[in-house]
Amino acid sequence: LRHTLLVFTHCDVDNLDAILASDAAPKSLRERWLPRLAGAVGVDNEQRLVARARLQTALDGLVARLKNERYSHDSLRAAQKRRDAAREADREAFRAAVLDWRKKDGPLVVERFGRPVEKD
């Protein structure tokens, strides 16, 4: 996400960074998302030329900070591998839960129409 700018539209405040760093911004945004992003910019859609210039300035600053580093195919492949590994882990966890349910000693309870389904 270091190549990503968070853009707030219909935003006419000049001190967006201060607002995002304060308690006025959601905690998850401040602590989880903003540190992972390249930055945030607010644009007022009513002032199209100013908004376009502000966004272009933010993008130019991002490119300069990244020193023209591009989002490469290697980055995409690494992201796909992480996604595939997470999917496989989910599938394995589901398989294990089904096996536990079949043994009747696991935490999984299957219900149908509000009633537990018994194993055949």
Foldseek 3Di string as FASTA:
>chain_A
DQLDEAEAELDDDDPVVVCLCDPVHDPCCNPPPQVVYVYYDYAYVVPPVVRVVRVVVSNVVSCVVVVVDDCDPVNVVVVVVVVVVVVVVVVVVVVVQVVCVLVVNHPDFDDDPRHTDDDD
